[in-house]
Amino acid sequence: MDSFELNKIIGAILGTLLFVMGVGFLAEAIYEPAHGSGPGYDLPGAPADAGPTDTTTPPAVADIGTLLAAADPKAGEGAAKKCQSCHDFTDGGPNKTGPNLYDVVGRAIASHPGYTYSDDLSKHKADTWTYENLNAWLTAPKAFAAGTKMGYGGDKDDQDRANIIAYLSTLSKSPKPFPAPAAPAASSAPADASSSAPASNAPASSSAAAQ
């Protein structure tokens, strides 16, 4: 092989190397990340763990007297059908998964014969199923008695709950009267009239009053 051929081979190799290096420099210039191009957007982090929901804290309960004033026992009878798998509503009817509910309004809590109540509900034996207690119980049973056997989670719809309680009140030979609606919150006392009276209404001077 003469020197001319050797030079051509070496030149081709050098040319290839220069081409590859040039392509590398060009790619780096094109794809180099920008610096100082302004503030970026921070992706939102994971929300803080709110912890488990406390089902034993008594929720705010609406005034049952106010609710019962507009309650519909017939609608309550329909709504109470969801309870029939666990409760009997007839006079002298049997206990089922839950106790018989005939004449439940005014009955001592955890007292129906033949039914074994949970320890937590039995702690309320000194009390009765007033309309107020039934309202609190049906709103959140586990808040009323944490260890209750009843798996029902409660009825948070005020009107639906009032309808059911109104229906329960009819299941008696001597229905208990509804409590009166709570009085509306008192408004702030009116401003002192003497402080706002115009000066022209001030009493006359002592000399004039003596005339």
C-alpha atoms as a PDB file:
ATOM      1  CA  MET A   1       0.000   0.000   0.000  1.00  0.00           C
ATOM      2  CA  ASP A   2       1.523   3.360  -1.035  1.00  0.00           C
ATOM      3  CA  SER A   3       1.557   6.460   1.157  1.00  0.00           C
ATOM      4  CA  PHE A   4      -1.299   8.064  -0.784  1.00  0.00           C
ATOM      5  CA  GLU A   5      -3.725   5.266   0.091  1.00  0.00           C
ATOM      6  CA  LEU A   6      -2.617   5.337   3.726  1.00  0.00           C
ATOM      7  CA  ASN A   7      -3.228   9.074   3.920  1.00  0.00           C
ATOM      8  CA  LYS A   8      -6.734   8.598   2.527  1.00  0.00           C
ATOM      9  CA  ILE A   9      -7.544   5.998   5.198  1.00  0.00           C
ATOM     10  CA  ILE A  10      -6.184   8.157   8.024  1.00  0.00           C
ATOM     11  CA  GLY A  11      -8.048  11.185   6.656  1.00  0.00           C
ATOM     12  CA  ALA A  12     -11.321   9.219   6.530  1.00  0.00           C
ATOM     13  CA  ILE A  13     -10.872   8.102  10.146  1.00  0.00           C
ATOM     14  CA  LEU A  14     -10.109  11.627  11.329  1.00  0.00           C
ATOM     15  CA  GLY A  15     -13.077  12.989   9.362  1.00  0.00           C
ATOM     16  CA  THR A  16     -15.397  10.456  10.972  1.00  0.00           C
ATOM     17  CA  LEU A  17     -14.166  11.357  14.448  1.00  0.00           C
ATOM     18  CA  LEU A  18     -14.605  15.064  13.759  1.00  0.00           C
ATOM     19  CA  PHE A  19     -18.148  14.437  12.458  1.00  0.00           C
ATOM     20  CA  VAL A  20     -19.120  12.438  15.550  1.00  0.00           C
ATOM     21  CA  MET A  21     -17.689  15.119  17.866  1.00  0.00           C
ATOM     22  CA  GLY A  22     -19.509  17.836  15.960  1.00  0.00           C
ATOM     23  CA  VAL A  23     -22.824  16.032  16.219  1.00  0.00           C
ATOM     24  CA  GLY A  24     -22.274  15.612  19.978  1.00  0.00           C
ATOM     25  CA  PHE A  25     -21.577  19.324  20.482  1.00  0.00           C
ATOM     26  CA  LEU A  26     -24.614  20.262  18.406  1.00  0.00           C
ATOM     27  CA  ALA A  27     -26.935  17.936  20.355  1.00  0.00           C
ATOM     28  CA  GLU A  28     -25.668  19.260  23.673  1.00  0.00           C
ATOM     29  CA  ALA A  29     -26.334  22.835  22.552  1.00  0.00           C
ATOM     30  CA  ILE A  30     -29.871  21.993  21.447  1.00  0.00           C
ATOM     31  CA  TYR A  31     -30.955  19.924  24.455  1.00  0.00           C
ATOM     32  CA  GLU A  32     -29.137  21.697  27.271  1.00  0.00           C
ATOM     33  CA  PRO A  33     -31.719  22.555  30.009  1.00  0.00           C
ATOM     34  CA  ALA A  34     -32.522  26.228  30.471  1.00  0.00           C
ATOM     35  CA  HIS A  35     -31.346  27.916  33.669  1.00  0.00           C
ATOM     36  CA  GLY A  36     -32.930  30.920  35.360  1.00  0.00           C
ATOM     37  CA  SER A  37     -35.969  30.919  33.104  1.00  0.00           C
ATOM     38  CA  GLY A  38     -38.370  31.995  35.840  1.00  0.00           C
ATOM     39  CA  PRO A  39     -40.162  30.302  38.728  1.00  0.00           C
ATOM     40  CA  GLY A  40     -41.367  26.767  38.275  1.00  0.00           C
ATOM     41  CA  TYR A  41     -44.695  25.310  39.300  1.00  0.00           C
ATOM     42  CA  ASP A  42     -44.699  23.346  42.543  1.00  0.00           C
ATOM     43  CA  LEU A  43     -46.809  20.244  42.308  1.00  0.00           C
ATOM     44  CA  PRO A  44     -49.230  19.910  45.205  1.00  0.00           C
ATOM     45  CA  GLY A  45     -48.135  17.514  47.901  1.00  0.00           C
ATOM     46  CA  ALA A  46     -50.210  14.713  49.326  1.00  0.00           C
ATOM     47  CA  PRO A  47     -52.943  15.957  51.667  1.00  0.00           C
ATOM     48  CA  ALA A  48     -52.309  15.549  55.357  1.00  0.00           C
ATOM     49  CA  ASP A  49     -53.882  12.496  56.926  1.00  0.00           C
ATOM     50  CA  ALA A  50     -57.120  13.662  58.538  1.00  0.00           C
ATOM     51  CA  GLY A  51     -57.232  10.573  60.727  1.00  0.00           C
ATOM     52  CA  PRO A  52     -60.176   8.217  61.257  1.00  0.00           C
ATOM     53  CA  THR A  53     -63.697   9.588  61.509  1.00  0.00           C
ATOM     54  CA  ASP A  54     -65.008   9.608  65.060  1.00  0.00           C
ATOM     55  CA  THR A  55     -68.442   7.965  64.932  1.00  0.00           C
ATOM     56  CA  THR A  56     -68.967   8.150  68.695  1.00  0.00           C
ATOM     57  CA  THR A  57     -69.040  11.943  68.991  1.00  0.00           C
ATOM     58  CA  PRO A  58     -72.674  13.092  69.311  1.00  0.00           C
ATOM     59  CA  PRO A  59     -73.622  15.196  66.273  1.00  0.00           C
ATOM     60  CA  ALA A  60     -75.717  18.327  66.525  1.00  0.00           C
ATOM     61  CA  VAL A  61     -79.352  17.222  66.764  1.00  0.00           C
ATOM     62  CA  ALA A  62     -82.205  19.372  65.476  1.00  0.00           C
ATOM     63  CA  ASP A  63     -85.032  20.261  67.877  1.00  0.00           C
ATOM     64  CA  ILE A  64     -87.462  17.351  67.735  1.00  0.00           C
ATOM     65  CA  GLY A  65     -90.483  19.492  68.712  1.00  0.00           C
ATOM     66  CA  THR A  66     -89.912  21.689  65.683  1.00  0.00           C
ATOM     67  CA  LEU A  67     -89.422  18.676  63.416  1.00  0.00           C
ATOM     68  CA  LEU A  68     -92.487  16.793  64.682  1.00  0.00           C
ATOM     69  CA  ALA A  69     -94.701  19.833  64.097  1.00  0.00           C
ATOM     70  CA  ALA A  70     -94.264  19.196  60.366  1.00  0.00           C
ATOM     71  CA  ALA A  71     -93.890  15.401  60.493  1.00  0.00           C
ATOM     72  CA  ASP A  72     -95.972  12.963  58.438  1.00  0.00           C
ATOM     73  CA  PRO A  73     -96.640   9.641  60.229  1.00  0.00           C
ATOM     74  CA  LYS A  74     -97.803   8.015  56.993  1.00  0.00           C
ATOM     75  CA  ALA A  75     -94.524   8.876  55.315  1.00  0.00           C
ATOM     76  CA  GLY A  76     -92.783   7.591  58.436  1.00  0.00           C
ATOM     77  CA  GLU A  77     -94.567   4.256  58.124  1.00  0.00           C
ATOM     78  CA  GLY A  78     -93.133   3.886  54.641  1.00  0.00           C
ATOM     79  CA  ALA A  79     -89.663   4.927  55.770  1.00  0.00           C
ATOM     80  CA  ALA A  80     -89.791   2.476  58.701  1.00  0.00           C
ATOM     81  CA  LYS A  81     -90.163  -0.481  56.346  1.00  0.00           C
ATOM     82  CA  LYS A  82     -86.375  -0.577  56.134  1.00  0.00           C
ATOM     83  CA  CYS A  83     -86.419  -1.514  59.858  1.00  0.00           C
ATOM     84  CA  GLN A  84     -88.841  -4.438  59.524  1.00  0.00           C
ATOM     85  CA  SER A  85     -86.100  -6.983  58.918  1.00  0.00           C
ATOM     86  CA  CYS A  86     -84.891  -6.407  62.487  1.00  0.00           C
ATOM     87  CA  HIS A  87     -87.957  -5.112  64.361  1.00  0.00           C
ATOM     88  CA  ASP A  88     -91.614  -6.046  64.734  1.00  0.00           C
ATOM     89  CA  PHE A  89     -94.088  -3.158  65.125  1.00  0.00           C
ATOM     90  CA  THR A  90     -97.233  -5.030  66.189  1.00  0.00           C
ATOM     91  CA  ASP A  91     -98.824  -5.152  69.633  1.00  0.00           C
ATOM     92  CA  GLY A  92     -97.597  -8.342  71.301  1.00  0.00           C
ATOM     93  CA  GLY A  93     -95.321  -9.130  68.361  1.00  0.00           C
ATOM     94  CA  PRO A  94     -92.044 -11.007  68.804  1.00  0.00           C
ATOM     95  CA  ASN A  95     -88.536  -9.722  69.270  1.00  0.00           C
ATOM     96  CA  LYS A  96     -86.358 -10.240  66.215  1.00  0.00           C
ATOM     97  CA  THR A  97     -82.749  -9.201  65.738  1.00  0.00           C
ATOM     98  CA  GLY A  98     -83.888  -6.087  67.605  1.00  0.00           C
ATOM     99  CA  PRO A  99     -86.664  -5.658  70.186  1.00  0.00           C
ATOM    100  CA  ASN A 100     -90.350  -5.176  69.396  1.00  0.00           C
ATOM    101  CA  LEU A 101     -91.079  -1.458  68.900  1.00  0.00           C
ATOM    102  CA  TYR A 102     -94.796  -1.282  69.670  1.00  0.00           C
ATOM    103  CA  ASP A 103     -95.409   1.398  72.315  1.00  0.00           C
ATOM    104  CA  VAL A 104     -91.710   2.306  72.329  1.00  0.00           C
ATOM    105  CA  VAL A 105     -92.324   6.029  72.925  1.00  0.00           C
ATOM    106  CA  GLY A 106     -92.171   6.587  76.685  1.00  0.00           C
ATOM    107  CA  ARG A 107     -90.875   3.070  77.391  1.00  0.00           C
ATOM    108  CA  ALA A 108     -87.879   2.642  79.709  1.00  0.00           C
ATOM    109  CA  ILE A 109     -84.718   2.194  77.642  1.00  0.00           C
ATOM    110  CA  ALA A 110     -83.399  -1.383  77.324  1.00  0.00           C
ATOM    111  CA  SER A 111     -86.485  -2.788  79.080  1.00  0.00           C
ATOM    112  CA  HIS A 112     -88.518  -4.787  76.582  1.00  0.00           C
ATOM    113  CA  PRO A 113     -89.144  -8.296  77.977  1.00  0.00           C
ATOM    114  CA  GLY A 114     -87.252 -11.184  76.425  1.00  0.00           C
ATOM    115  CA  TYR A 115     -84.590  -9.145  74.656  1.00  0.00           C
ATOM    116  CA  THR A 116     -80.928  -9.033  75.685  1.00  0.00           C
ATOM    117  CA  TYR A 117     -79.557  -5.530  75.230  1.00  0.00           C
ATOM    118  CA  SER A 118     -75.942  -4.459  74.879  1.00  0.00           C
ATOM    119  CA  ASP A 119     -74.123  -3.370  78.015  1.00  0.00           C
ATOM    120  CA  ASP A 120     -73.748   0.188  76.692  1.00  0.00           C
ATOM    121  CA  LEU A 121     -77.453   0.628  76.001  1.00  0.00           C
ATOM    122  CA  SER A 122     -78.318  -0.982  79.322  1.00  0.00           C
ATOM    123  CA  LYS A 123     -76.460   1.870  81.032  1.00  0.00           C
ATOM    124  CA  HIS A 124     -79.424   4.066  80.002  1.00  0.00           C
ATOM    125  CA  LYS A 125     -82.018   1.937  81.826  1.00  0.00           C
ATOM    126  CA  ALA A 126     -82.836   4.746  84.236  1.00  0.00           C
ATOM    127  CA  ASP A 127     -83.975   6.879  81.287  1.00  0.00           C
ATOM    128  CA  THR A 128     -86.917   6.505  78.894  1.00  0.00           C
ATOM    129  CA  TRP A 129     -87.400   6.670  75.161  1.00  0.00           C
ATOM    130  CA  THR A 130     -88.568  10.258  75.059  1.00  0.00           C
ATOM    131  CA  TYR A 131     -88.962  11.965  71.706  1.00  0.00           C
ATOM    132  CA  GLU A 132     -85.653  13.703  72.352  1.00  0.00           C
ATOM    133  CA  ASN A 133     -83.840  10.440  73.083  1.00  0.00           C
ATOM    134  CA  LEU A 134     -85.366   8.723  70.062  1.00  0.00           C
ATOM    135  CA  ASN A 135     -84.233  11.645  67.916  1.00  0.00           C
ATOM    136  CA  ALA A 136     -80.665  11.426  69.234  1.00  0.00           C
ATOM    137  CA  TRP A 137     -80.664   7.611  68.926  1.00  0.00           C
ATOM    138  CA  LEU A 138     -81.905   7.524  65.343  1.00  0.00           C
ATOM    139  CA  THR A 139     -79.492  10.287  64.338  1.00  0.00           C
ATOM    140  CA  ALA A 140     -76.406   8.334  65.458  1.00  0.00           C
ATOM    141  CA  PRO A 141     -76.944   5.137  67.468  1.00  0.00           C
ATOM    142  CA  LYS A 142     -73.252   4.625  68.248  1.00  0.00           C
ATOM    143  CA  ALA A 143     -72.957   8.156  69.569  1.00  0.00           C
ATOM    144  CA  PHE A 144     -75.841   7.394  71.939  1.00  0.00           C
ATOM    145  CA  ALA A 145     -74.498   3.963  72.979  1.00  0.00           C
ATOM    146  CA  ALA A 146     -71.119   3.118  71.472  1.00  0.00           C
ATOM    147  CA  GLY A 147     -71.400  -0.644  71.999  1.00  0.00           C
ATOM    148  CA  THR A 148     -74.929  -1.058  70.654  1.00  0.00           C
ATOM    149  CA  LYS A 149     -75.721  -4.246  68.767  1.00  0.00           C
ATOM    150  CA  MET A 150     -77.615  -2.285  66.138  1.00  0.00           C
ATOM    151  CA  GLY A 151     -75.650  -2.022  62.926  1.00  0.00           C
ATOM    152  CA  TYR A 152     -77.812   0.828  61.617  1.00  0.00           C
ATOM    153  CA  GLY A 153     -75.668   3.899  60.951  1.00  0.00           C
ATOM    154  CA  GLY A 154     -78.397   6.462  61.664  1.00  0.00           C
ATOM    155  CA  ASP A 155     -80.687   8.713  59.642  1.00  0.00           C
ATOM    156  CA  LYS A 156     -79.164  12.148  59.070  1.00  0.00           C
ATOM    157  CA  ASP A 157     -82.224  13.467  57.201  1.00  0.00           C
ATOM    158  CA  ASP A 158     -84.115  15.505  59.817  1.00  0.00           C
ATOM    159  CA  GLN A 159     -87.524  15.275  58.151  1.00  0.00           C
ATOM    160  CA  ASP A 160     -87.239  11.576  57.357  1.00  0.00           C
ATOM    161  CA  ARG A 161     -86.218  10.880  60.946  1.00  0.00           C
ATOM    162  CA  ALA A 162     -89.079  12.991  62.331  1.00  0.00           C
ATOM    163  CA  ASN A 163     -91.555  11.116  60.116  1.00  0.00           C
ATOM    164  CA  ILE A 164     -90.351   7.788  61.526  1.00  0.00           C
ATOM    165  CA  ILE A 165     -90.636   9.017  65.118  1.00  0.00           C
ATOM    166  CA  ALA A 166     -94.126  10.380  64.406  1.00  0.00           C
ATOM    167  CA  TYR A 167     -95.079   6.945  63.065  1.00  0.00           C
ATOM    168  CA  LEU A 168     -93.656   5.232  66.171  1.00  0.00           C
ATOM    169  CA  SER A 169     -95.831   7.516  68.294  1.00  0.00           C
ATOM    170  CA  THR A 170     -98.949   6.055  66.654  1.00  0.00           C
ATOM    171  CA  LEU A 171     -97.985   2.532  67.766  1.00  0.00           C
ATOM    172  CA  SER A 172     -99.706   2.865  71.123  1.00  0.00           C
ATOM    173  CA  LYS A 173    -103.137   2.669  72.704  1.00  0.00           C
ATOM    174  CA  SER A 174    -102.320   5.987  74.388  1.00  0.00           C
ATOM    175  CA  PRO A 175    -100.035   7.994  72.074  1.00  0.00           C
ATOM    176  CA  LYS A 176     -97.753  10.460  73.847  1.00  0.00           C
ATOM    177  CA  PRO A 177     -98.203  14.128  72.879  1.00  0.00           C
ATOM    178  CA  PHE A 178     -95.458  15.776  70.885  1.00  0.00           C
ATOM    179  CA  PRO A 179     -93.183  18.239  72.678  1.00  0.00           C
ATOM    180  CA  ALA A 180     -93.665  21.897  71.846  1.00  0.00           C
ATOM    181  CA  PRO A 181     -91.254  23.402  69.307  1.00  0.00           C
ATOM    182  CA  ALA A 182     -88.294  25.165  70.852  1.00  0.00           C
ATOM    183  CA  ALA A 183     -88.668  28.911  71.220  1.00  0.00           C
ATOM    184  CA  PRO A 184     -86.698  30.908  68.642  1.00  0.00           C
ATOM    185  CA  ALA A 185     -83.453  32.407  69.848  1.00  0.00           C
ATOM    186  CA  ALA A 186     -84.024  35.749  71.554  1.00  0.00           C
ATOM    187  CA  SER A 187     -82.900  38.748  69.529  1.00  0.00           C
ATOM    188  CA  SER A 188     -80.549  41.304  71.013  1.00  0.00           C
ATOM    189  CA  ALA A 189     -82.144  43.788  73.417  1.00  0.00           C
ATOM    190  CA  PRO A 190     -83.314  47.039  71.798  1.00  0.00           C
ATOM    191  CA  ALA A 191     -81.135  50.077  72.240  1.00  0.00           C
ATOM    192  CA  ASP A 192     -81.823  52.263  75.274  1.00  0.00           C
ATOM    193  CA  ALA A 193     -84.452  54.755  74.122  1.00  0.00           C
ATOM    194  CA  SER A 194     -83.159  57.423  76.475  1.00  0.00           C
ATOM    195  CA  SER A 195     -79.720  57.300  74.881  1.00  0.00           C
ATOM    196  CA  SER A 196     -81.126  57.810  71.393  1.00  0.00           C
ATOM    197  CA  ALA A 197     -83.802  60.441  72.217  1.00  0.00           C
ATOM    198  CA  PRO A 198     -83.237  63.821  70.530  1.00  0.00           C
ATOM    199  CA  ALA A 199     -82.154  66.763  72.665  1.00  0.00           C
ATOM    200  CA  SER A 200     -85.464  68.576  72.017  1.00  0.00           C
ATOM    201  CA  ASN A 201     -87.235  65.872  74.076  1.00  0.00           C
ATOM    202  CA  ALA A 202     -85.104  66.528  77.142  1.00  0.00           C
ATOM    203  CA  PRO A 203     -87.069  67.564  80.274  1.00  0.00           C
ATOM    204  CA  ALA A 204     -87.525  71.319  80.945  1.00  0.00           C
ATOM    205  CA  SER A 205     -85.258  73.162  83.345  1.00  0.00           C
ATOM    206  CA  SER A 206     -85.967  72.957  87.070  1.00  0.00           C
ATOM    207  CA  SER A 207     -87.302  76.509  87.177  1.00  0.00           C
ATOM    208  CA  ALA A 208     -89.842  75.777  84.454  1.00  0.00           C
ATOM    209  CA  ALA A 209     -90.851  72.548  86.102  1.00  0.00           C
ATOM    210  CA  ALA A 210     -91.642  74.406  89.304  1.00  0.00           C
ATOM    211  CA  GLN A 211     -94.244  76.622  87.597  1.00  0.00           C
END
